[in-house]
Amino acid sequence: MKISGMFYVAVTTLLLVTLTIMVAMDISFTWVFYVTILGQILVAVMVYKVLKDNYTTDKTFDDFYEDHPIGKQEITLQ
């Protein structure tokens, strides 16, 4: 099974939200520091994986948003 780039986005987001909760709960600085370093490494891995992901689509910016497609519209000049 291939791990997609979006998996790394989810893991990184979850880790950084957990870090925020750790800081709010006044967890030891040592744990917060190590989780911060891990988060920074995961951000770099995430960016690399998302940019190198083999993803293709036939959509363009003319198609508007994915969740609300309006289709390509022809502009006619009169």
N, C-alpha and C. Protein backbone atom coordinates (compact mmCIF):
# COMPACT_ATOMS: atom_id res chain seq x y z
N MET A 1 0.84 -1.18 0.00
CA MET A 1 0.00 0.00 0.00
C MET A 1 0.88 1.24 0.00
N LYS A 2 0.60 2.14 -0.91
CA LYS A 2 1.36 3.38 -1.03
C LYS A 2 0.81 4.42 -0.06
N ILE A 3 1.72 5.06 0.68
CA ILE A 3 1.31 6.13 1.59
C ILE A 3 1.30 7.43 0.80
N SER A 4 0.15 8.10 0.76
CA SER A 4 0.04 9.33 -0.03
C SER A 4 0.60 10.52 0.74
N GLY A 5 0.77 11.61 0.03
CA GLY A 5 1.25 12.83 0.65
C GLY A 5 0.29 13.39 1.68
N MET A 6 -1.01 13.15 1.48
CA MET A 6 -2.00 13.66 2.42
C MET A 6 -1.92 12.95 3.77
N PHE A 7 -1.42 11.72 3.81
CA PHE A 7 -1.21 11.04 5.08
C PHE A 7 -0.21 11.81 5.92
N TYR A 8 0.87 12.28 5.29
CA TYR A 8 1.87 13.05 6.01
C TYR A 8 1.32 14.39 6.48
N VAL A 9 0.43 14.98 5.72
CA VAL A 9 -0.23 16.22 6.15
C VAL A 9 -1.04 15.96 7.42
N ALA A 10 -1.78 14.86 7.43
CA ALA A 10 -2.61 14.54 8.60
C ALA A 10 -1.77 14.24 9.83
N VAL A 11 -0.70 13.47 9.67
CA VAL A 11 0.15 13.13 10.81
C VAL A 11 0.83 14.37 11.37
N THR A 12 1.33 15.22 10.49
CA THR A 12 2.00 16.44 10.94
C THR A 12 1.02 17.36 11.65
N THR A 13 -0.17 17.50 11.13
CA THR A 13 -1.18 18.35 11.76
C THR A 13 -1.55 17.81 13.14
N LEU A 14 -1.75 16.50 13.23
CA LEU A 14 -2.08 15.89 14.51
C LEU A 14 -0.97 16.10 15.53
N LEU A 15 0.28 15.94 15.11
CA LEU A 15 1.40 16.13 16.02
C LEU A 15 1.49 17.57 16.51
N LEU A 16 1.29 18.53 15.63
CA LEU A 16 1.42 19.93 16.02
C LEU A 16 0.24 20.39 16.87
N VAL A 17 -0.94 19.83 16.67
CA VAL A 17 -2.07 20.12 17.55
C VAL A 17 -1.81 19.52 18.93
N THR A 18 -1.26 18.31 18.96
CA THR A 18 -0.88 17.70 20.23
C THR A 18 0.16 18.54 20.96
N LEU A 19 1.10 19.09 20.23
CA LEU A 19 2.11 19.97 20.82
C LEU A 19 1.46 21.19 21.47
N THR A 20 0.49 21.78 20.81
CA THR A 20 -0.21 22.93 21.36
C THR A 20 -0.93 22.56 22.66
N ILE A 21 -1.53 21.39 22.69
CA ILE A 21 -2.21 20.93 23.90
C ILE A 21 -1.19 20.69 25.02
N MET A 22 -0.03 20.13 24.66
CA MET A 22 1.01 19.89 25.65
C MET A 22 1.48 21.19 26.29
N VAL A 23 1.64 22.22 25.49
CA VAL A 23 2.06 23.51 26.03
C VAL A 23 0.99 24.09 26.93
N ALA A 24 -0.27 23.97 26.54
CA ALA A 24 -1.37 24.50 27.36
C ALA A 24 -1.49 23.75 28.68
N MET A 25 -1.10 22.48 28.72
CA MET A 25 -1.18 21.69 29.94
C MET A 25 0.09 21.79 30.78
N ASP A 26 1.03 22.62 30.36
CA ASP A 26 2.27 22.87 31.09
C ASP A 26 3.10 21.59 31.27
N ILE A 27 3.25 20.84 30.18
CA ILE A 27 4.08 19.63 30.18
C ILE A 27 5.54 20.08 30.23
N SER A 28 6.40 19.19 30.69
CA SER A 28 7.83 19.48 30.82
C SER A 28 8.42 20.04 29.52
N PHE A 29 9.32 20.99 29.67
CA PHE A 29 9.95 21.64 28.52
C PHE A 29 10.67 20.62 27.64
N THR A 30 11.28 19.63 28.26
CA THR A 30 12.03 18.63 27.50
C THR A 30 11.13 17.91 26.51
N TRP A 31 9.95 17.48 26.92
CA TRP A 31 9.01 16.81 26.03
C TRP A 31 8.52 17.74 24.93
N VAL A 32 8.22 18.97 25.30
CA VAL A 32 7.75 19.95 24.31
C VAL A 32 8.84 20.21 23.28
N PHE A 33 10.09 20.32 23.73
CA PHE A 33 11.21 20.56 22.82
C PHE A 33 11.37 19.42 21.82
N TYR A 34 11.34 18.18 22.31
CA TYR A 34 11.52 17.03 21.42
C TYR A 34 10.36 16.89 20.43
N VAL A 35 9.16 17.15 20.88
CA VAL A 35 8.00 17.07 19.98
C VAL A 35 8.07 18.20 18.94
N THR A 36 8.58 19.36 19.34
CA THR A 36 8.76 20.47 18.39
C THR A 36 9.77 20.10 17.30
N ILE A 37 10.89 19.51 17.70
CA ILE A 37 11.90 19.09 16.72
C ILE A 37 11.32 18.03 15.78
N LEU A 38 10.60 17.06 16.35
CA LEU A 38 9.95 16.04 15.53
C LEU A 38 8.95 16.67 14.56
N GLY A 39 8.20 17.66 15.02
CA GLY A 39 7.24 18.35 14.17
C GLY A 39 7.91 19.08 13.02
N GLN A 40 9.05 19.71 13.30
CA GLN A 40 9.76 20.41 12.23
C GLN A 40 10.29 19.44 11.18
N ILE A 41 10.77 18.29 11.63
CA ILE A 41 11.24 17.27 10.68
C ILE A 41 10.07 16.76 9.85
N LEU A 42 8.93 16.52 10.50
CA LEU A 42 7.76 16.03 9.76
C LEU A 42 7.23 17.07 8.77
N VAL A 43 7.35 18.34 9.08
CA VAL A 43 6.92 19.37 8.12
C VAL A 43 7.78 19.29 6.86
N ALA A 44 9.09 19.13 7.03
CA ALA A 44 9.97 19.01 5.87
C ALA A 44 9.65 17.75 5.06
N VAL A 45 9.42 16.63 5.73
CA VAL A 45 9.06 15.38 5.04
C VAL A 45 7.72 15.54 4.34
N MET A 46 6.77 16.20 5.01
CA MET A 46 5.44 16.40 4.44
C MET A 46 5.53 17.22 3.14
N VAL A 47 6.26 18.31 3.18
CA VAL A 47 6.39 19.15 1.99
C VAL A 47 7.01 18.37 0.84
N TYR A 48 8.07 17.61 1.14
CA TYR A 48 8.71 16.82 0.11
C TYR A 48 7.75 15.79 -0.49
N LYS A 49 7.04 15.06 0.37
CA LYS A 49 6.14 14.01 -0.10
C LYS A 49 4.97 14.58 -0.90
N VAL A 50 4.42 15.71 -0.46
CA VAL A 50 3.30 16.31 -1.20
C VAL A 50 3.76 16.81 -2.56
N LEU A 51 4.92 17.43 -2.61
CA LEU A 51 5.40 17.95 -3.90
C LEU A 51 5.83 16.85 -4.85
N LYS A 52 6.31 15.73 -4.34
CA LYS A 52 6.76 14.64 -5.19
C LYS A 52 5.68 13.59 -5.43
N ASP A 53 4.47 13.79 -4.90
CA ASP A 53 3.40 12.83 -5.07
C ASP A 53 3.01 12.74 -6.54
N ASN A 54 2.80 11.52 -7.03
CA ASN A 54 2.45 11.31 -8.43
C ASN A 54 0.94 11.47 -8.59
N TYR A 55 0.49 12.71 -8.68
CA TYR A 55 -0.93 13.02 -8.76
C TYR A 55 -1.18 13.82 -10.02
N THR A 56 -2.15 13.39 -10.80
CA THR A 56 -2.50 14.13 -12.01
C THR A 56 -4.00 14.38 -12.03
N THR A 57 -4.39 15.44 -12.67
CA THR A 57 -5.80 15.77 -12.81
C THR A 57 -6.00 16.51 -14.13
N ASP A 58 -7.24 16.49 -14.58
CA ASP A 58 -7.55 17.24 -15.79
C ASP A 58 -8.23 18.56 -15.44
N LYS A 59 -8.35 18.86 -14.17
CA LYS A 59 -8.97 20.11 -13.72
C LYS A 59 -7.99 21.27 -13.88
N THR A 60 -8.54 22.44 -14.14
CA THR A 60 -7.74 23.66 -14.20
C THR A 60 -8.41 24.70 -13.31
N PHE A 61 -7.81 25.87 -13.21
CA PHE A 61 -8.40 26.93 -12.42
C PHE A 61 -9.72 27.42 -13.01
N ASP A 62 -9.94 27.13 -14.28
CA ASP A 62 -11.22 27.50 -14.90
C ASP A 62 -12.38 26.66 -14.37
N ASP A 63 -12.09 25.52 -13.74
CA ASP A 63 -13.13 24.64 -13.21
C ASP A 63 -13.63 25.10 -11.84
N PHE A 64 -13.06 26.14 -11.29
CA PHE A 64 -13.45 26.71 -9.99
C PHE A 64 -13.04 25.75 -8.89
N TYR A 65 -13.85 25.55 -7.89
CA TYR A 65 -13.49 24.71 -6.75
C TYR A 65 -13.93 23.27 -6.99
N GLU A 66 -13.18 22.31 -6.38
CA GLU A 66 -13.49 20.90 -6.53
C GLU A 66 -14.85 20.54 -5.94
N ASP A 67 -15.21 21.16 -4.81
CA ASP A 67 -16.48 20.81 -4.16
C ASP A 67 -17.67 21.55 -4.77
N HIS A 68 -17.41 22.50 -5.65
CA HIS A 68 -18.50 23.23 -6.31
C HIS A 68 -18.08 23.53 -7.75
N PRO A 69 -17.98 22.50 -8.59
CA PRO A 69 -17.52 22.75 -9.96
C PRO A 69 -18.57 23.51 -10.77
N ILE A 70 -18.11 24.47 -11.54
CA ILE A 70 -19.02 25.21 -12.40
C ILE A 70 -18.75 24.92 -13.86
N GLY A 71 -17.68 24.17 -14.13
CA GLY A 71 -17.36 23.84 -15.51
C GLY A 71 -16.72 25.02 -16.23
N LYS A 72 -16.18 24.71 -17.36
CA LYS A 72 -15.54 25.77 -18.16
C LYS A 72 -16.62 26.59 -18.84
N GLN A 73 -16.49 27.88 -18.75
CA GLN A 73 -17.44 28.77 -19.38
C GLN A 73 -16.77 29.52 -20.53
N GLU A 74 -17.48 29.61 -21.61
CA GLU A 74 -16.94 30.30 -22.75
C GLU A 74 -17.32 31.78 -22.66
N ILE A 75 -16.37 32.61 -22.94
CA ILE A 75 -16.62 34.05 -22.94
C ILE A 75 -16.75 34.51 -24.39
N THR A 76 -17.85 35.16 -24.69
CA THR A 76 -18.07 35.65 -26.03
C THR A 76 -18.05 37.17 -26.00
N LEU A 77 -17.33 37.73 -26.92
CA LEU A 77 -17.25 39.18 -27.05
C LEU A 77 -18.21 39.62 -28.14
N GLN A 78 -18.98 40.66 -27.86
CA GLN A 78 -19.93 41.15 -28.85
C GLN A 78 -19.57 42.53 -29.30
